[in-house]
Protein backbone atom coordinates (compact mmCIF):
# COMPACT_ATOMS: atom_id res chain seq x y z
CA MET A 1 4.40 -32.07 56.53
CA VAL A 2 6.33 -28.63 55.64
CA ALA A 3 9.10 -30.89 53.42
CA GLN A 4 5.77 -32.08 51.35
CA ALA A 5 4.08 -28.78 51.31
CA CYS A 6 7.61 -27.29 49.49
CA VAL A 7 7.84 -30.52 47.28
CA LYS A 8 3.78 -29.84 46.41
CA ALA A 9 4.88 -26.05 45.48
CA ASP A 10 7.92 -26.44 43.77
CA THR A 11 6.15 -29.21 41.48
CA ARG A 12 3.65 -26.28 41.27
CA ARG A 13 6.20 -23.85 40.39
CA LEU A 14 7.70 -26.27 37.64
CA GLU A 15 4.57 -26.94 36.08
CA VAL A 16 3.61 -23.42 35.62
CA ALA A 17 7.15 -22.49 34.24
CA GLY A 18 6.63 -25.56 31.56
CA ARG A 19 2.94 -24.08 30.58
CA GLU A 20 4.87 -20.72 29.97
CA ARG A 21 7.48 -21.79 28.37
CA LYS A 22 5.57 -23.82 25.88
CA VAL A 23 3.52 -20.39 25.48
CA LEU A 24 6.67 -18.57 25.08
CA ARG A 25 7.82 -21.01 22.58
CA HIS A 26 5.14 -21.22 20.39
CA LEU A 27 5.16 -17.15 19.95
CA GLY A 28 8.65 -17.00 19.73
CA ALA A 29 11.69 -17.38 17.42
CA ASP A 30 10.65 -21.28 17.29
CA ASP A 31 7.52 -21.02 15.81
CA ARG A 32 6.77 -21.48 12.04
CA SER A 33 5.61 -18.17 11.56
CA SER A 34 8.34 -16.41 12.99
CA THR A 35 10.54 -19.17 11.13
CA ARG A 36 8.67 -17.76 7.58
CA VAL A 37 9.72 -13.98 8.71
CA ARG A 38 12.73 -14.79 9.71
CA ILE A 39 13.70 -15.84 6.03
CA VAL A 40 11.90 -13.12 4.53
CA ASP A 41 14.00 -10.26 6.16
CA ALA A 42 17.06 -12.38 5.39
CA ALA A 43 16.38 -12.33 1.64
CA LEU A 44 15.48 -8.50 2.27
CA ALA A 45 19.32 -8.37 3.13
CA CYS A 46 20.88 -10.62 0.39
CA LEU A 47 18.44 -9.03 -2.04
CA ALA A 48 20.00 -5.31 -0.62
CA ARG A 49 23.32 -6.45 -0.90
CA GLN A 50 23.36 -8.42 -4.03
CA GLY A 51 20.41 -8.27 -6.35
CA LEU A 52 18.41 -11.33 -6.71
CA GLY A 53 20.22 -12.79 -9.71
CA LYS A 54 23.36 -13.50 -7.25
CA THR A 55 21.31 -14.32 -4.43
CA THR A 56 20.68 -17.91 -3.22
CA VAL A 57 18.81 -20.42 -1.36
CA ASP A 58 21.99 -20.79 0.81
CA ASP A 59 22.67 -17.17 0.62
CA ILE A 60 19.26 -16.60 2.18
CA ALA A 61 19.62 -19.80 4.75
CA ARG A 62 22.91 -18.27 6.10
CA GLU A 63 21.87 -15.02 6.47
CA ALA A 64 18.58 -16.11 8.54
CA GLY A 65 20.61 -18.91 11.00
CA PHE A 66 18.89 -21.78 9.38
CA SER A 67 19.76 -24.86 7.25
CA ARG A 68 19.17 -25.22 3.85
CA ALA A 69 16.50 -28.04 4.71
CA THR A 70 14.89 -25.73 7.01
CA LEU A 71 14.69 -23.24 4.48
CA TYR A 72 12.77 -25.79 2.22
CA ARG A 73 10.64 -27.42 5.10
CA THR A 74 9.26 -23.72 5.37
CA PHE A 75 9.12 -22.89 1.12
CA PRO A 76 9.11 -26.33 -0.66
CA GLY A 77 9.10 -23.85 -3.68
CA GLY A 78 12.63 -22.32 -3.01
CA LYS A 79 14.04 -19.42 -3.95
CA ASP A 80 10.90 -18.51 -6.01
CA ALA A 81 8.55 -18.91 -3.48
CA VAL A 82 10.53 -16.73 -0.91
CA ILE A 83 10.76 -13.93 -3.10
CA ALA A 84 7.16 -14.52 -3.52
CA ALA A 85 6.50 -14.15 0.14
CA VAL A 86 8.99 -11.19 0.46
CA VAL A 87 6.53 -9.32 -2.23
CA GLU A 88 3.92 -9.98 -0.16
CA THR A 89 5.24 -9.42 3.15
CA GLU A 90 6.62 -5.95 2.24
CA VAL A 91 3.26 -5.19 0.58
CA ALA A 92 1.74 -5.93 4.15
CA ARG A 93 4.10 -4.01 6.07
CA LEU A 94 3.49 -0.77 3.82
CA PHE A 95 -0.06 -1.33 4.10
CA SER A 96 -0.11 -1.72 7.73
CA SER A 97 2.08 1.61 8.43
CA LEU A 98 -0.36 3.38 6.00
CA ALA A 99 -3.57 2.80 8.00
CA VAL A 100 -2.00 3.83 10.85
CA VAL A 101 -0.97 7.61 9.68
CA MET A 102 -3.94 7.67 7.43
CA GLY A 103 -6.25 6.49 10.06
CA GLU A 104 -4.83 9.34 12.22
CA ALA A 105 -5.86 12.26 9.51
CA THR A 106 -8.20 14.68 10.16
CA ASP A 107 -9.43 15.99 7.21
CA LEU A 108 -8.49 15.25 3.15
CA GLU A 109 -5.59 17.27 2.78
CA ASP A 110 -4.27 15.86 6.27
CA VAL A 111 -4.99 11.96 4.59
CA LEU A 112 -3.60 12.72 1.06
CA VAL A 113 -0.39 14.12 2.44
CA ALA A 114 -0.05 11.80 5.22
CA GLY A 115 -0.53 8.65 2.92
CA MET A 116 2.27 10.04 -0.09
CA VAL A 117 4.80 11.07 2.53
CA GLU A 118 4.82 7.50 4.15
CA SER A 119 4.58 5.84 1.09
CA ALA A 120 7.89 7.76 -0.06
CA ARG A 121 9.67 7.43 2.78
CA ARG A 122 9.24 3.68 3.21
CA LEU A 123 9.77 3.13 -0.41
CA SER A 124 12.77 5.59 -1.22
CA ALA A 125 14.26 3.86 2.18
CA HIS A 126 13.78 0.50 0.70
CA GLY A 127 17.47 -1.05 0.32
CA ALA A 128 16.23 -4.11 -1.75
CA LEU A 129 14.15 -1.78 -3.82
CA ALA A 130 16.76 0.81 -4.47
CA TYR A 131 19.55 -2.35 -5.55
CA LEU A 132 16.99 -3.83 -7.89
CA LEU A 133 16.21 -0.38 -9.43
CA ILE A 134 19.87 0.61 -10.06
CA HIS A 135 21.54 -3.14 -10.64
CA GLU A 136 18.80 -4.96 -11.92
CA PRO A 137 15.62 -2.81 -13.51
CA ASP A 138 14.69 -5.65 -15.46
CA VAL A 139 13.59 -7.51 -12.69
CA ILE A 140 11.32 -4.54 -11.37
CA LEU A 141 10.36 -2.38 -14.45
CA PRO A 142 8.25 -4.95 -16.15
CA ARG A 143 6.16 -4.87 -12.55
CA LEU A 144 5.55 -1.21 -13.39
CA ILE A 145 3.88 -1.05 -16.82
CA PHE A 146 0.87 -2.27 -18.95
CA ALA A 147 -1.02 -4.18 -17.08
CA GLU A 148 1.04 -4.80 -13.95
CA MET A 149 0.83 -1.03 -13.44
CA ASP A 150 -2.69 -1.36 -13.83
CA ARG A 151 -3.17 -4.03 -10.88
CA ILE A 152 -0.34 -1.89 -8.47
CA LEU A 153 -2.88 0.81 -9.04
CA PHE A 154 -6.09 -1.17 -8.52
CA SER A 155 -4.89 -2.73 -5.28
CA ALA A 156 -3.12 0.35 -3.71
CA GLY A 157 -6.29 2.20 -4.95
CA ASP A 158 -8.60 -0.08 -3.58
CA PHE A 159 -6.76 -0.45 0.41
CA ALA A 160 -6.38 3.49 0.17
CA ALA A 161 -10.15 4.29 -0.76
CA PRO A 162 -12.00 3.83 2.55
CA PHE A 163 -9.89 6.26 3.91
CA PHE A 164 -10.84 9.09 1.76
CA ALA A 165 -14.40 8.05 1.78
CA ARG A 166 -14.76 10.23 5.15
CA TRP A 167 -14.77 12.89 3.07
CA LEU A 168 -15.44 11.87 -0.86
CA SER A 169 -18.34 9.83 -2.12
CA PRO A 170 -16.94 6.09 -3.31
CA ASP A 171 -16.34 7.13 -6.92
CA GLU A 172 -14.56 10.09 -6.09
CA ALA A 173 -12.49 8.50 -3.25
CA SER A 174 -11.30 5.75 -5.59
CA ARG A 175 -10.47 7.93 -8.34
CA ALA A 176 -8.42 10.29 -5.49
CA ALA A 177 -6.61 7.42 -4.41
CA GLU A 178 -5.60 6.38 -7.84
CA TRP A 179 -4.26 9.86 -8.15
CA ALA A 180 -2.37 9.93 -5.37
CA VAL A 181 -0.59 6.35 -6.08
CA ARG A 182 0.18 7.58 -9.80
CA ILE A 183 1.61 11.15 -8.01
CA VAL A 184 3.57 9.06 -5.74
CA LEU A 185 5.39 6.59 -8.49
CA ALA A 186 6.06 9.31 -10.77
CA TYR A 187 7.92 11.38 -8.38
CA LEU A 188 9.78 8.33 -6.97
CA ALA A 189 11.10 6.95 -10.39
CA ASP A 190 11.79 10.64 -11.51
CA PRO A 191 12.38 12.86 -8.81
CA ALA A 192 11.35 16.46 -9.46
CA PRO A 193 14.06 19.47 -8.08
CA GLY A 194 12.66 21.32 -5.30
CA THR A 195 10.04 18.58 -4.42
CA ASP A 196 10.51 15.62 -2.11
CA LEU A 197 7.48 13.63 -1.03
CA SER A 198 9.26 12.42 2.02
CA ASP A 199 9.03 15.76 3.15
CA PRO A 200 5.80 16.84 4.63
CA GLU A 201 5.89 20.64 3.97
CA ASP A 202 6.90 19.73 0.21
CA THR A 203 4.02 17.52 -0.48
CA ARG A 204 1.45 19.58 1.45
CA ALA A 205 2.60 22.07 -1.15
CA LEU A 206 2.07 19.66 -4.29
CA VAL A 207 -1.19 18.52 -2.95
CA ARG A 208 -2.55 22.01 -2.33
CA ALA A 209 -1.60 23.05 -5.78
CA PHE A 210 -2.24 20.33 -7.56
CA VAL A 211 -4.40 17.31 -6.00
CA MET A 212 -7.12 19.49 -3.92
CA PRO A 213 -8.18 22.01 -6.87
CA GLY A 214 -8.30 18.14 -8.98
CA ILE A 215 -10.62 16.52 -6.05
CA LEU A 216 -12.65 19.94 -6.00
CA ALA A 217 -13.30 19.84 -10.06
CA LEU A 218 -13.87 16.22 -9.34
CA ARG A 219 -16.69 16.94 -7.09
CA SER A 220 -18.17 19.48 -9.74
CA ALA A 221 -18.06 17.12 -12.38
CA PRO A 222 -19.14 17.83 -15.85
CA THR A 223 -23.45 18.31 -16.96
CA THR A 224 -24.96 14.62 -16.45
CA ALA A 225 -27.54 13.93 -19.38
CA ALA A 226 -30.17 14.36 -16.73
CA THR A 227 -29.39 17.85 -16.19
CA ALA A 228 -28.59 18.86 -19.51
CA THR A 229 -32.48 17.54 -20.37
CA ALA A 230 -33.96 19.88 -17.42
CA THR A 231 -31.79 22.53 -18.19
CA ALA A 232 -33.19 22.48 -22.36
CA THR A 233 -36.59 21.93 -20.77
CA ALA A 234 -36.40 25.16 -18.82
CA THR A 235 -34.85 27.25 -21.46
CA ALA A 236 -37.92 25.90 -24.08
CA THR A 237 -40.40 27.04 -21.29
CA ALA A 238 -38.71 30.29 -20.89
CA ASN A 239 -38.24 31.02 -24.77
CA PRO A 240 -41.35 29.29 -26.48
CA SER A 241 -40.72 31.47 -29.65
CA ASP A 242 -36.97 30.44 -30.24
CA PRO A 243 -36.95 28.61 -33.53
CA SER A 244 -34.51 26.41 -32.31
CA THR A 245 -36.14 25.31 -29.01
CA ASN A 246 -39.44 24.79 -31.01
CA ALA A 247 -36.87 22.62 -33.56
CA LYS A 248 -36.03 20.90 -30.40
CA LYS A 249 -39.17 19.93 -29.21
CA GLY A 250 -40.61 18.80 -32.93
CA ALA A 251 -42.82 21.88 -33.36
CA VAL A 252 -43.28 23.83 -36.79
CA PRO A 253 -41.57 27.24 -35.85
């Protein structure tokens, strides 16, 4: 009886262990999404080392520790599909890290500083991006001008606006987010002496001197047509004998 109980217990333990292995296998390195991430990270390593032109499918597969066939099963489109996944993944990673730091901000100035510093740090430390900007600018620059730049600004602004909307109207939040994105891209493309956007103190000084005044000016926007009409009516009431006022009212002086 004791022996049978031991056998049953061992069998039960083996069954549980088997189920656990299946779960770990599903969540671990053998699962499809993890394979995709490994290939994306391998492509990033290759791009940082030798750029886009020299990087082949074989290079990426070797870096990831997979066969060429495994890479093509994961990305049937080959190198182009891998590079597209790299861009998509890196944007998602950037937005994810921004969501954390911007979500912790306690006021408008803090959310601006947090978002700009985190963006500058991640982009300036991005090995693949740095290599391409220096050695293959023709790969990056076409994506930073004209309609492509508009798409970048729209996507980044659309992401950031809800974080600003805690203190601004929806329209103001969208414009403030776009300004912040433009500033980060401008300073990264052409760094200004004495201003390092990856440094919180430098960024806070910049935000206080230039960005916050712009937002305050945005809040006190130019007089609207309705306000102008009300002002003119009030003036006419206060100065009925003014010829210019009578002319506006259509009256004969």
